[in-house]
C-alpha atoms as a PDB file:
ATOM      1  CA  MET A   1       5.998  21.943  10.408  1.00  0.00           C
ATOM      2  CA  GLN A   2       8.583  24.488  10.872  1.00  0.00           C
ATOM      3  CA  GLY A   3      10.431  23.072   7.993  1.00  0.00           C
ATOM      4  CA  LEU A   4       7.520  23.189   5.719  1.00  0.00           C
ATOM      5  CA  LEU A   5       6.774  26.754   6.773  1.00  0.00           C
ATOM      6  CA  SER A   6      10.328  27.785   6.084  1.00  0.00           C
ATOM      7  CA  LEU A   7       9.815  26.600   2.514  1.00  0.00           C
ATOM      8  CA  THR A   8       7.226  29.548   2.085  1.00  0.00           C
ATOM      9  CA  ARG A   9      10.080  32.051   2.105  1.00  0.00           C
ATOM     10  CA  LYS A  10      11.819  30.624  -0.903  1.00  0.00           C
ATOM     11  CA  HIS A  11       8.724  29.004  -3.108  1.00  0.00           C
ATOM     12  CA  THR A  12       5.496  29.958  -4.098  1.00  0.00           C
ATOM     13  CA  SER A  13       2.406  28.404  -2.664  1.00  0.00           C
ATOM     14  CA  ALA A  14       1.687  26.837  -5.995  1.00  0.00           C
ATOM     15  CA  GLN A  15       5.067  25.080  -6.093  1.00  0.00           C
ATOM     16  CA  LEU A  16       4.414  23.857  -2.460  1.00  0.00           C
ATOM     17  CA  GLU A  17       0.879  22.712  -3.215  1.00  0.00           C
ATOM     18  CA  ASP A  18       2.208  20.662  -6.216  1.00  0.00           C
ATOM     19  CA  ALA A  19       5.126  19.102  -4.353  1.00  0.00           C
ATOM     20  CA  CYS A  20       2.916  18.252  -1.425  1.00  0.00           C
ATOM     21  CA  GLY A  21       0.236  16.819  -3.612  1.00  0.00           C
ATOM     22  CA  THR A  22       2.785  14.604  -5.548  1.00  0.00           C
ATOM     23  CA  ALA A  23       4.393  13.522  -2.241  1.00  0.00           C
ATOM     24  CA  LEU A  24       0.918  12.515  -0.896  1.00  0.00           C
ATOM     25  CA  SER A  25       0.189  10.653  -3.979  1.00  0.00           C
ATOM     26  CA  TYR A  26       3.172   8.317  -3.475  1.00  0.00           C
ATOM     27  CA  GLN A  27       2.547   8.276   0.406  1.00  0.00           C
ATOM     28  CA  CYS A  28       5.718  10.083   1.247  1.00  0.00           C
ATOM     29  CA  TYR A  29       5.271  12.192   4.383  1.00  0.00           C
ATOM     30  CA  ARG A  30       8.934  13.561   4.856  1.00  0.00           C
ATOM     31  CA  LEU A  31      10.168  17.180   4.341  1.00  0.00           C
ATOM     32  CA  ARG A  32      13.114  15.856   2.391  1.00  0.00           C
ATOM     33  CA  THR A  33      10.827  14.440  -0.083  1.00  0.00           C
ATOM     34  CA  VAL A  34       8.907  17.798  -0.473  1.00  0.00           C
ATOM     35  CA  ARG A  35      12.114  19.722  -0.789  1.00  0.00           C
ATOM     36  CA  GLN A  36      13.228  17.337  -3.771  1.00  0.00           C
ATOM     37  CA  LEU A  37       9.881  17.494  -5.478  1.00  0.00           C
ATOM     38  CA  ILE A  38       9.836  21.306  -5.696  1.00  0.00           C
ATOM     39  CA  GLY A  39      12.728  21.251  -7.938  1.00  0.00           C
ATOM     40  CA  ARG A  40      11.476  18.459 -10.043  1.00  0.00           C
ATOM     41  CA  ARG A  41       8.373  18.267 -11.913  1.00  0.00           C
ATOM     42  CA  ALA A  42       7.280  14.764 -11.106  1.00  0.00           C
ATOM     43  CA  GLU A  43       4.020  13.514 -11.964  1.00  0.00           C
ATOM     44  CA  LYS A  44       1.601  12.272  -9.416  1.00  0.00           C
ATOM     45  CA  GLN A  45       1.128   8.680  -8.945  1.00  0.00           C
ATOM     46  CA  GLN A  46      -2.104   7.410 -10.554  1.00  0.00           C
ATOM     47  CA  ALA A  47      -4.205   4.932  -8.630  1.00  0.00           C
ATOM     48  CA  LEU A  48      -4.865   1.691 -10.520  1.00  0.00           C
ATOM     49  CA  ASP A  49      -8.305   0.067 -10.549  1.00  0.00           C
ATOM     50  CA  PHE A  50      -8.340  -3.573  -9.087  1.00  0.00           C
ATOM     51  CA  LEU A  51      -9.714  -6.144 -11.537  1.00  0.00           C
ATOM     52  CA  ASP A  52     -12.410  -8.449 -10.057  1.00  0.00           C
ATOM     53  CA  GLU A  53     -12.676 -10.778 -12.881  1.00  0.00           C
ATOM     54  CA  HIS A  54      -9.948 -11.715 -15.333  1.00  0.00           C
ATOM     55  CA  PRO A  55      -9.105 -14.744 -17.366  1.00  0.00           C
ATOM     56  CA  LEU A  56      -6.136 -15.244 -15.357  1.00  0.00           C
ATOM     57  CA  ILE A  57      -7.648 -14.732 -11.867  1.00  0.00           C
ATOM     58  CA  ARG A  58      -9.297 -17.678 -10.595  1.00  0.00           C
ATOM     59  CA  PRO A  59     -12.686 -17.254  -8.851  1.00  0.00           C
ATOM     60  CA  LEU A  60     -12.550 -16.818  -5.139  1.00  0.00           C
ATOM     61  CA  GLY A  61     -14.537 -19.995  -4.630  1.00  0.00           C
ATOM     62  CA  ASP A  62     -11.738 -22.072  -6.123  1.00  0.00           C
ATOM     63  CA  TYR A  63      -9.303 -20.853  -3.332  1.00  0.00           C
ATOM     64  CA  ALA A  64     -11.997 -21.619  -0.646  1.00  0.00           C
ATOM     65  CA  ALA A  65     -12.099 -25.204  -1.825  1.00  0.00           C
ATOM     66  CA  VAL A  66      -8.409 -25.441  -1.699  1.00  0.00           C
ATOM     67  CA  VAL A  67      -8.394 -24.467   1.838  1.00  0.00           C
ATOM     68  CA  ALA A  68     -11.239 -26.573   2.822  1.00  0.00           C
ATOM     69  CA  ARG A  69      -9.576 -29.670   1.338  1.00  0.00           C
ATOM     70  CA  ALA A  70      -6.458 -28.719   3.240  1.00  0.00           C
ATOM     71  CA  ALA A  71      -8.190 -28.409   6.566  1.00  0.00           C
ATOM     72  CA  GLU A  72      -9.798 -31.786   6.003  1.00  0.00           C
ATOM     73  CA  ARG A  73      -6.511 -33.471   5.539  1.00  0.00           C
ATOM     74  CA  ASN A  74      -5.171 -31.834   8.479  1.00  0.00           C
ATOM     75  CA  GLN A  75      -8.039 -33.170  10.776  1.00  0.00           C
ATOM     76  CA  ASP A  76      -7.065 -36.775   9.803  1.00  0.00           C
ATOM     77  CA  ARG A  77      -3.223 -36.256  10.710  1.00  0.00           C
ATOM     78  CA  PRO A  78      -2.049 -36.943  14.117  1.00  0.00           C
ATOM     79  CA  LYS A  79      -1.146 -33.768  16.194  1.00  0.00           C
ATOM     80  CA  LEU A  80       2.560 -33.251  16.632  1.00  0.00           C
ATOM     81  CA  PHE A  81       2.072 -30.990  19.776  1.00  0.00           C
ATOM     82  CA  ILE A  82       0.225 -31.413  22.951  1.00  0.00           C
ATOM     83  CA  ASP A  83      -2.405 -28.931  23.651  1.00  0.00           C
ATOM     84  CA  PRO A  84      -1.902 -27.469  27.017  1.00  0.00           C
ATOM     85  CA  SER A  85      -5.432 -26.495  27.467  1.00  0.00           C
ATOM     86  CA  SER A  86      -6.527 -30.205  27.380  1.00  0.00           C
END
């Protein structure tokens, strides 16, 4: 906090707001990053929307079926370790 307050002596509040906003968009929380961003005109990182459906993305049910088949196969296999609770 003291370091951030000391930046108010050399820079305007608008410069600090812009630098802090940009640092926050990149989830960078260090004073060093804010200092570097004051001198630059870096753009804020834009959040991307996640796609729920796309031709390259399989439906979630397909993955559930794969996991269920794997679990069934593992039930038929002999155990390689001894369960200490039994």
